[in-house]
Amino acid sequence: MLLHIFPTSEALAQQVAAYLADQSAAAMAERGRFTVALSGGSMPKLLAEVTTEPFRSGIDWSGWHVFWADERCLPLTDPDSNYYLARQFLLDQVAIPAGQIYPIDPALTAEPAAAAQAYQQTLAEVFQPAAGQLPRFDLILLGMGEDGHTASLFPGHPLLEEETLWVAPILNSPKPPPARITLTLPLLNQARQVAFITTGAGKASILPQVLEAKSGPLLPAARVQPIDGDLHWFVDEAAANLKK
């Protein structure tokens, strides 16, 4: 695990943009495409830096394939949907082919189980993993809630023990809206790179419980440990409790 601490969220966003550009270039050189999963919350605003120069013109956006680590079962036009936020701050600003952006099926937002199944099928079609293997993202970008949740995996929830599904529905999210879909821990932990982006003093009390956990029930964010990949934490000083 690599911990990167920055004095401000602006400095953090600049470094995350550089990291994204590096990961995109490496994936394009090795595999001809860059598969990335985004999260919601405050993350899309922090990712907006990558749409500015010199990053924007230095990235080959044509190879990006964009998914979501979790999504609320809402219309894609709803401002509370993760897709809507990503469109506003990132996707509408760069030239990623429309067919390589994979939101939740808008026809299935009233049926979370069907939406999760359809999203898993989309992953299977795009990644085409060998039998018995899981899709392997080049990069999954995650946030962390003040309770230690990540994606739509919440403390104490049965979905933390899911071992079969790649994408699961959740009908009783502790945070509204209650109906969502989420990538599961086995899929998160298969990624080549996972990066948490965490800012704000509201995260200061929970962050040590995640980063320093050694035993006992682990919070969801602490259970993200890539099997054969790198784990990065991009944190500002407020979240790291370094501000005086």
C-alpha atoms as a PDB file:
ATOM      1  CA  MET A   1       0.000   0.000   0.000  1.00  0.00           C
ATOM      2  CA  LEU A   2       1.296   3.428  -1.006  1.00  0.00           C
ATOM      3  CA  LEU A   3       0.044   6.477   0.911  1.00  0.00           C
ATOM      4  CA  HIS A   4       0.294   9.892  -0.763  1.00  0.00           C
ATOM      5  CA  ILE A   5      -0.567  12.941   1.362  1.00  0.00           C
ATOM      6  CA  PHE A   6      -1.085  16.419  -0.114  1.00  0.00           C
ATOM      7  CA  PRO A   7      -1.481  19.811   1.553  1.00  0.00           C
ATOM      8  CA  THR A   8      -4.700  20.640  -0.299  1.00  0.00           C
ATOM      9  CA  SER A   9      -7.365  18.909  -2.347  1.00  0.00           C
ATOM     10  CA  GLU A  10      -6.159  20.970  -5.339  1.00  0.00           C
ATOM     11  CA  ALA A  11      -2.648  19.552  -5.039  1.00  0.00           C
ATOM     12  CA  LEU A  12      -4.139  16.096  -4.667  1.00  0.00           C
ATOM     13  CA  ALA A  13      -6.240  16.514  -7.816  1.00  0.00           C
ATOM     14  CA  GLN A  14      -3.155  17.545  -9.786  1.00  0.00           C
ATOM     15  CA  GLN A  15      -1.271  14.429  -8.738  1.00  0.00           C
ATOM     16  CA  VAL A  16      -4.248  12.159  -9.368  1.00  0.00           C
ATOM     17  CA  ALA A  17      -4.447  13.577 -12.903  1.00  0.00           C
ATOM     18  CA  ALA A  18      -0.766  12.768 -13.458  1.00  0.00           C
ATOM     19  CA  TYR A  19      -1.312   9.270 -12.062  1.00  0.00           C
ATOM     20  CA  LEU A  20      -4.282   8.724 -14.379  1.00  0.00           C
ATOM     21  CA  ALA A  21      -2.257   9.881 -17.383  1.00  0.00           C
ATOM     22  CA  ASP A  22       0.577   7.492 -16.460  1.00  0.00           C
ATOM     23  CA  GLN A  23      -1.746   4.524 -15.930  1.00  0.00           C
ATOM     24  CA  SER A  24      -3.580   5.222 -19.169  1.00  0.00           C
ATOM     25  CA  ALA A  25      -0.330   5.385 -21.157  1.00  0.00           C
ATOM     26  CA  ALA A  26       1.000   2.181 -19.600  1.00  0.00           C
ATOM     27  CA  ALA A  27      -2.212   0.252 -20.250  1.00  0.00           C
ATOM     28  CA  MET A  28      -2.441   1.498 -23.827  1.00  0.00           C
ATOM     29  CA  ALA A  29       1.165   0.480 -24.501  1.00  0.00           C
ATOM     30  CA  GLU A  30       0.722  -2.985 -22.994  1.00  0.00           C
ATOM     31  CA  ARG A  31      -2.858  -3.914 -23.886  1.00  0.00           C
ATOM     32  CA  GLY A  32      -4.114  -1.338 -26.381  1.00  0.00           C
ATOM     33  CA  ARG A  33      -6.857  -0.023 -24.089  1.00  0.00           C
ATOM     34  CA  PHE A  34      -7.430   1.383 -20.613  1.00  0.00           C
ATOM     35  CA  THR A  35     -10.221  -0.109 -18.502  1.00  0.00           C
ATOM     36  CA  VAL A  36     -11.205   2.066 -15.557  1.00  0.00           C
ATOM     37  CA  ALA A  37     -14.038   2.069 -13.021  1.00  0.00           C
ATOM     38  CA  LEU A  38     -15.172   5.352 -11.483  1.00  0.00           C
ATOM     39  CA  SER A  39     -16.974   6.148  -8.251  1.00  0.00           C
ATOM     40  CA  GLY A  40     -19.344   8.948  -7.296  1.00  0.00           C
ATOM     41  CA  GLY A  41     -19.524  11.375  -4.412  1.00  0.00           C
ATOM     42  CA  SER A  42     -16.924  14.135  -4.579  1.00  0.00           C
ATOM     43  CA  MET A  43     -14.617  12.125  -6.840  1.00  0.00           C
ATOM     44  CA  PRO A  44     -15.834  13.383 -10.242  1.00  0.00           C
ATOM     45  CA  LYS A  45     -14.981  16.969  -9.251  1.00  0.00           C
ATOM     46  CA  LEU A  46     -11.490  15.883  -8.206  1.00  0.00           C
ATOM     47  CA  LEU A  47     -11.021  14.054 -11.517  1.00  0.00           C
ATOM     48  CA  ALA A  48     -11.864  17.169 -13.516  1.00  0.00           C
ATOM     49  CA  GLU A  49      -8.205  18.194 -13.394  1.00  0.00           C
ATOM     50  CA  VAL A  50      -7.390  15.484 -15.944  1.00  0.00           C
ATOM     51  CA  THR A  51      -9.510  17.340 -18.514  1.00  0.00           C
ATOM     52  CA  THR A  52      -7.173  20.365 -18.347  1.00  0.00           C
ATOM     53  CA  GLU A  53      -3.841  20.848 -20.060  1.00  0.00           C
ATOM     54  CA  PRO A  54      -1.332  19.319 -20.315  1.00  0.00           C
ATOM     55  CA  PHE A  55      -3.225  16.138 -19.400  1.00  0.00           C
ATOM     56  CA  ARG A  56      -6.128  16.462 -21.798  1.00  0.00           C
ATOM     57  CA  SER A  57      -4.078  16.591 -24.988  1.00  0.00           C
ATOM     58  CA  GLY A  58      -1.489  14.116 -23.699  1.00  0.00           C
ATOM     59  CA  ILE A  59      -3.934  11.256 -23.096  1.00  0.00           C
ATOM     60  CA  ASP A  60      -5.177   8.898 -25.803  1.00  0.00           C
ATOM     61  CA  TRP A  61      -8.845   8.969 -24.814  1.00  0.00           C
ATOM     62  CA  SER A  62      -9.823   6.685 -27.686  1.00  0.00           C
ATOM     63  CA  GLY A  63      -8.641   3.656 -25.713  1.00  0.00           C
ATOM     64  CA  TRP A  64     -10.569   4.361 -22.512  1.00  0.00           C
ATOM     65  CA  HIS A  65     -13.332   1.973 -21.434  1.00  0.00           C
ATOM     66  CA  VAL A  66     -15.246   3.500 -18.537  1.00  0.00           C
ATOM     67  CA  PHE A  67     -17.322   1.609 -15.974  1.00  0.00           C
ATOM     68  CA  TRP A  68     -18.665   2.390 -12.508  1.00  0.00           C
ATOM     69  CA  ALA A  69     -17.631   0.780  -9.220  1.00  0.00           C
ATOM     70  CA  ASP A  70     -21.195   1.298  -8.062  1.00  0.00           C
ATOM     71  CA  GLU A  71     -24.294   3.104  -9.189  1.00  0.00           C
ATOM     72  CA  ARG A  72     -27.521   4.292  -7.702  1.00  0.00           C
ATOM     73  CA  CYS A  73     -30.640   2.882  -9.320  1.00  0.00           C
ATOM     74  CA  LEU A  74     -31.769   6.226 -10.666  1.00  0.00           C
ATOM     75  CA  PRO A  75     -32.383   7.623 -14.146  1.00  0.00           C
ATOM     76  CA  LEU A  76     -29.127   8.572 -15.855  1.00  0.00           C
ATOM     77  CA  THR A  77     -30.408  12.143 -15.990  1.00  0.00           C
ATOM     78  CA  ASP A  78     -30.766  12.328 -12.205  1.00  0.00           C
ATOM     79  CA  PRO A  79     -28.128  14.660 -10.704  1.00  0.00           C
ATOM     80  CA  ASP A  80     -27.616  12.155  -7.873  1.00  0.00           C
ATOM     81  CA  SER A  81     -26.521   9.371 -10.225  1.00  0.00           C
ATOM     82  CA  ASN A  82     -22.798   8.660 -10.390  1.00  0.00           C
ATOM     83  CA  TYR A  83     -23.039   8.578 -14.179  1.00  0.00           C
ATOM     84  CA  TYR A  84     -24.487  12.103 -14.286  1.00  0.00           C
ATOM     85  CA  LEU A  85     -21.655  13.494 -12.173  1.00  0.00           C
ATOM     86  CA  ALA A  86     -19.010  11.737 -14.257  1.00  0.00           C
ATOM     87  CA  ARG A  87     -20.540  13.128 -17.444  1.00  0.00           C
ATOM     88  CA  GLN A  88     -20.558  16.641 -16.034  1.00  0.00           C
ATOM     89  CA  PHE A  89     -16.978  16.771 -14.788  1.00  0.00           C
ATOM     90  CA  LEU A  90     -15.123  14.295 -16.999  1.00  0.00           C
ATOM     91  CA  LEU A  91     -16.809  12.442 -19.818  1.00  0.00           C
ATOM     92  CA  ASP A  92     -18.373  15.407 -21.612  1.00  0.00           C
ATOM     93  CA  GLN A  93     -15.008  17.167 -21.632  1.00  0.00           C
ATOM     94  CA  VAL A  94     -12.942  14.534 -23.456  1.00  0.00           C
ATOM     95  CA  ALA A  95     -13.177  12.348 -26.567  1.00  0.00           C
ATOM     96  CA  ILE A  96     -13.938   8.891 -25.165  1.00  0.00           C
ATOM     97  CA  PRO A  97     -16.009   6.942 -27.743  1.00  0.00           C
ATOM     98  CA  ALA A  98     -19.622   6.736 -26.579  1.00  0.00           C
ATOM     99  CA  GLY A  99     -19.681   2.975 -27.117  1.00  0.00           C
ATOM    100  CA  GLN A 100     -16.854   2.595 -24.591  1.00  0.00           C
ATOM    101  CA  ILE A 101     -18.783   4.186 -21.735  1.00  0.00           C
ATOM    102  CA  TYR A 102     -20.855   1.659 -19.798  1.00  0.00           C
ATOM    103  CA  PRO A 103     -23.524   3.085 -17.488  1.00  0.00           C
ATOM    104  CA  ILE A 104     -26.208   1.066 -15.753  1.00  0.00           C
ATOM    105  CA  ASP A 105     -29.025   0.043 -18.130  1.00  0.00           C
ATOM    106  CA  PRO A 106     -31.539   2.893 -17.730  1.00  0.00           C
ATOM    107  CA  ALA A 107     -34.407   0.500 -18.501  1.00  0.00           C
ATOM    108  CA  LEU A 108     -33.549  -1.566 -15.413  1.00  0.00           C
ATOM    109  CA  THR A 109     -33.187   1.054 -12.696  1.00  0.00           C
ATOM    110  CA  ALA A 110     -36.428  -0.149 -11.085  1.00  0.00           C
ATOM    111  CA  GLU A 111     -35.060  -3.706 -10.973  1.00  0.00           C
ATOM    112  CA  PRO A 112     -31.712  -3.726  -9.137  1.00  0.00           C
ATOM    113  CA  ALA A 113     -31.201  -7.490  -9.422  1.00  0.00           C
ATOM    114  CA  ALA A 114     -31.741  -7.396 -13.194  1.00  0.00           C
ATOM    115  CA  ALA A 115     -29.566  -4.284 -13.483  1.00  0.00           C
ATOM    116  CA  ALA A 116     -26.711  -5.997 -11.624  1.00  0.00           C
ATOM    117  CA  GLN A 117     -27.019  -9.106 -13.769  1.00  0.00           C
ATOM    118  CA  ALA A 118     -27.004  -7.026 -16.959  1.00  0.00           C
ATOM    119  CA  TYR A 119     -23.945  -5.092 -15.789  1.00  0.00           C
ATOM    120  CA  GLN A 120     -22.111  -8.327 -15.042  1.00  0.00           C
ATOM    121  CA  GLN A 121     -22.956  -9.514 -18.545  1.00  0.00           C
ATOM    122  CA  THR A 122     -21.540  -6.281 -19.973  1.00  0.00           C
ATOM    123  CA  LEU A 123     -18.304  -6.901 -18.060  1.00  0.00           C
ATOM    124  CA  ALA A 124     -18.153 -10.431 -19.450  1.00  0.00           C
ATOM    125  CA  GLU A 125     -18.591  -9.163 -23.008  1.00  0.00           C
ATOM    126  CA  VAL A 126     -15.986  -6.427 -22.744  1.00  0.00           C
ATOM    127  CA  PHE A 127     -13.316  -8.289 -20.760  1.00  0.00           C
ATOM    128  CA  GLN A 128     -13.983 -11.834 -22.028  1.00  0.00           C
ATOM    129  CA  PRO A 129     -12.156 -13.494 -19.120  1.00  0.00           C
ATOM    130  CA  ALA A 130     -11.208 -17.162 -19.361  1.00  0.00           C
ATOM    131  CA  ALA A 131     -13.540 -19.670 -17.734  1.00  0.00           C
ATOM    132  CA  GLY A 132     -13.387 -19.361 -13.969  1.00  0.00           C
ATOM    133  CA  GLN A 133     -11.493 -16.054 -14.128  1.00  0.00           C
ATOM    134  CA  LEU A 134     -12.659 -12.571 -13.188  1.00  0.00           C
ATOM    135  CA  PRO A 135     -12.387  -9.393 -15.245  1.00  0.00           C
ATOM    136  CA  ARG A 136      -9.236  -7.469 -14.415  1.00  0.00           C
ATOM    137  CA  PHE A 137      -9.522  -3.701 -14.502  1.00  0.00           C
ATOM    138  CA  ASP A 138      -6.448  -1.636 -15.209  1.00  0.00           C
ATOM    139  CA  LEU A 139      -7.616   0.835 -12.559  1.00  0.00           C
ATOM    140  CA  ILE A 140     -10.485   1.130 -10.095  1.00  0.00           C
ATOM    141  CA  LEU A 141     -10.949   4.540  -8.475  1.00  0.00           C
ATOM    142  CA  LEU A 142     -12.686   4.425  -5.103  1.00  0.00           C
ATOM    143  CA  GLY A 143     -13.812   6.837  -2.456  1.00  0.00           C
ATOM    144  CA  MET A 144     -14.437   6.184   1.221  1.00  0.00           C
ATOM    145  CA  GLY A 145     -17.358   7.278   3.361  1.00  0.00           C
ATOM    146  CA  GLU A 146     -17.099   8.539   6.902  1.00  0.00           C
ATOM    147  CA  ASP A 147     -18.261   5.086   8.053  1.00  0.00           C
ATOM    148  CA  GLY A 148     -15.501   3.315   6.089  1.00  0.00           C
ATOM    149  CA  HIS A 149     -17.745   2.137   3.267  1.00  0.00           C
ATOM    150  CA  THR A 150     -16.511   2.063  -0.303  1.00  0.00           C
ATOM    151  CA  ALA A 151     -18.425   1.613  -3.565  1.00  0.00           C
ATOM    152  CA  SER A 152     -21.794   0.435  -2.151  1.00  0.00           C
ATOM    153  CA  LEU A 153     -20.207  -2.000   0.287  1.00  0.00           C
ATOM    154  CA  PHE A 154     -21.227  -0.986   3.804  1.00  0.00           C
ATOM    155  CA  PRO A 155     -19.995  -2.063   7.255  1.00  0.00           C
ATOM    156  CA  GLY A 156     -21.625  -5.242   8.468  1.00  0.00           C
ATOM    157  CA  HIS A 157     -23.534  -5.814   5.232  1.00  0.00           C
ATOM    158  CA  PRO A 158     -23.852  -9.395   3.903  1.00  0.00           C
ATOM    159  CA  LEU A 159     -22.502  -8.272   0.513  1.00  0.00           C
ATOM    160  CA  LEU A 160     -19.041  -8.097   2.094  1.00  0.00           C
ATOM    161  CA  GLU A 161     -19.035 -11.899   2.050  1.00  0.00           C
ATOM    162  CA  GLU A 162     -20.184 -12.255  -1.571  1.00  0.00           C
ATOM    163  CA  GLU A 163     -17.776 -14.570  -3.396  1.00  0.00           C
ATOM    164  CA  THR A 164     -19.604 -15.512  -6.607  1.00  0.00           C
ATOM    165  CA  LEU A 165     -21.132 -12.414  -8.160  1.00  0.00           C
ATOM    166  CA  TRP A 166     -19.002  -9.771  -9.843  1.00  0.00           C
ATOM    167  CA  VAL A 167     -21.801  -7.221  -9.591  1.00  0.00           C
ATOM    168  CA  ALA A 168     -24.439  -7.374  -6.879  1.00  0.00           C
ATOM    169  CA  PRO A 169     -27.671  -5.526  -6.161  1.00  0.00           C
ATOM    170  CA  ILE A 170     -28.239  -3.817  -2.839  1.00  0.00           C
ATOM    171  CA  LEU A 171     -31.789  -2.975  -1.809  1.00  0.00           C
ATOM    172  CA  ASN A 172     -31.171  -1.665   1.709  1.00  0.00           C
ATOM    173  CA  SER A 173     -28.305   0.792   1.468  1.00  0.00           C
ATOM    174  CA  PRO A 174     -27.827   2.670   4.754  1.00  0.00           C
ATOM    175  CA  LYS A 175     -27.382   5.798   2.653  1.00  0.00           C
ATOM    176  CA  PRO A 176     -30.106   6.933   0.252  1.00  0.00           C
ATOM    177  CA  PRO A 177     -31.123   5.888  -2.246  1.00  0.00           C
ATOM    178  CA  PRO A 178     -31.522   2.334  -0.888  1.00  0.00           C
ATOM    179  CA  ALA A 179     -31.428   0.597  -4.291  1.00  0.00           C
ATOM    180  CA  ARG A 180     -28.021   0.329  -5.973  1.00  0.00           C
ATOM    181  CA  ILE A 181     -25.648  -2.015  -7.746  1.00  0.00           C
ATOM    182  CA  THR A 182     -22.005  -2.464  -6.787  1.00  0.00           C
ATOM    183  CA  LEU A 183     -18.877  -4.285  -7.822  1.00  0.00           C
ATOM    184  CA  THR A 184     -18.036  -6.918  -5.211  1.00  0.00           C
ATOM    185  CA  LEU A 185     -14.807  -7.390  -3.272  1.00  0.00           C
ATOM    186  CA  PRO A 186     -13.503 -10.288  -5.400  1.00  0.00           C
ATOM    187  CA  LEU A 187     -13.704  -8.101  -8.505  1.00  0.00           C
ATOM    188  CA  LEU A 188     -12.252  -5.032  -6.787  1.00  0.00           C
ATOM    189  CA  ASN A 189      -9.338  -7.086  -5.533  1.00  0.00           C
ATOM    190  CA  GLN A 190      -8.593  -8.449  -8.998  1.00  0.00           C
ATOM    191  CA  ALA A 191      -7.599  -5.026 -10.369  1.00  0.00           C
ATOM    192  CA  ARG A 192      -4.093  -4.158 -11.493  1.00  0.00           C
ATOM    193  CA  GLN A 193      -4.371  -0.810  -9.705  1.00  0.00           C
ATOM    194  CA  VAL A 194      -6.788   0.449  -7.050  1.00  0.00           C
ATOM    195  CA  ALA A 195      -6.654   4.074  -5.956  1.00  0.00           C
ATOM    196  CA  PHE A 196      -8.626   5.562  -3.082  1.00  0.00           C
ATOM    197  CA  ILE A 197      -9.162   9.318  -3.249  1.00  0.00           C
ATOM    198  CA  THR A 198     -10.051  10.694   0.169  1.00  0.00           C
ATOM    199  CA  THR A 199     -10.358  14.319   1.231  1.00  0.00           C
ATOM    200  CA  GLY A 200     -11.769  16.339   4.080  1.00  0.00           C
ATOM    201  CA  ALA A 201     -11.635  16.407   7.861  1.00  0.00           C
ATOM    202  CA  GLY A 202     -14.743  14.245   8.021  1.00  0.00           C
ATOM    203  CA  LYS A 203     -12.594  11.258   7.055  1.00  0.00           C
ATOM    204  CA  ALA A 204      -9.854  11.885   9.639  1.00  0.00           C
ATOM    205  CA  SER A 205     -11.263   9.665  12.376  1.00  0.00           C
ATOM    206  CA  ILE A 206     -12.002   6.667  10.171  1.00  0.00           C
ATOM    207  CA  LEU A 207      -8.857   6.723   8.023  1.00  0.00           C
ATOM    208  CA  PRO A 208      -6.509   5.229  10.681  1.00  0.00           C
ATOM    209  CA  GLN A 209      -9.014   2.435  11.312  1.00  0.00           C
ATOM    210  CA  VAL A 210      -8.786   1.527   7.640  1.00  0.00           C
ATOM    211  CA  LEU A 211      -5.071   1.991   7.019  1.00  0.00           C
ATOM    212  CA  GLU A 212      -3.843   0.467  10.270  1.00  0.00           C
ATOM    213  CA  ALA A 213      -6.341  -2.377  10.700  1.00  0.00           C
ATOM    214  CA  LYS A 214      -4.559  -5.613  11.521  1.00  0.00           C
ATOM    215  CA  SER A 215      -7.220  -7.897  12.996  1.00  0.00           C
ATOM    216  CA  GLY A 216     -10.872  -8.144  13.873  1.00  0.00           C
ATOM    217  CA  PRO A 217     -13.760  -7.208  11.570  1.00  0.00           C
ATOM    218  CA  LEU A 218     -12.333  -4.982   8.861  1.00  0.00           C
ATOM    219  CA  LEU A 219     -14.201  -2.017   7.492  1.00  0.00           C
ATOM    220  CA  PRO A 220     -15.142  -2.358   3.805  1.00  0.00           C
ATOM    221  CA  ALA A 221     -12.404   0.003   2.575  1.00  0.00           C
ATOM    222  CA  ALA A 222      -9.803  -1.976   4.542  1.00  0.00           C
ATOM    223  CA  ARG A 223     -10.901  -5.152   2.766  1.00  0.00           C
ATOM    224  CA  VAL A 224      -9.857  -3.773  -0.600  1.00  0.00           C
ATOM    225  CA  GLN A 225      -6.454  -5.418  -0.982  1.00  0.00           C
ATOM    226  CA  PRO A 226      -5.540  -6.237  -4.601  1.00  0.00           C
ATOM    227  CA  ILE A 227      -4.357  -9.831  -4.940  1.00  0.00           C
ATOM    228  CA  ASP A 228      -1.775  -9.064  -7.619  1.00  0.00           C
ATOM    229  CA  GLY A 229      -1.869  -5.305  -8.012  1.00  0.00           C
ATOM    230  CA  ASP A 230      -1.014  -1.986  -6.417  1.00  0.00           C
ATOM    231  CA  LEU A 231      -3.059  -0.107  -3.839  1.00  0.00           C
ATOM    232  CA  HIS A 232      -2.718   3.683  -3.607  1.00  0.00           C
ATOM    233  CA  TRP A 233      -4.285   6.134  -1.191  1.00  0.00           C
ATOM    234  CA  PHE A 234      -4.398   9.786  -2.282  1.00  0.00           C
ATOM    235  CA  VAL A 235      -5.243  11.785   0.848  1.00  0.00           C
ATOM    236  CA  ASP A 236      -5.230  15.463   1.736  1.00  0.00           C
ATOM    237  CA  GLU A 237      -3.856  16.740   5.035  1.00  0.00           C
ATOM    238  CA  ALA A 238      -7.350  17.336   6.412  1.00  0.00           C
ATOM    239  CA  ALA A 239      -8.278  13.663   5.988  1.00  0.00           C
ATOM    240  CA  ALA A 240      -4.863  12.619   7.305  1.00  0.00           C
ATOM    241  CA  ASN A 241      -5.447  14.837  10.371  1.00  0.00           C
ATOM    242  CA  LEU A 242      -2.227  16.771   9.764  1.00  0.00           C
ATOM    243  CA  LYS A 243      -3.727  20.257   9.827  1.00  0.00           C
ATOM    244  CA  LYS A 244      -3.064  22.221  13.012  1.00  0.00           C
END
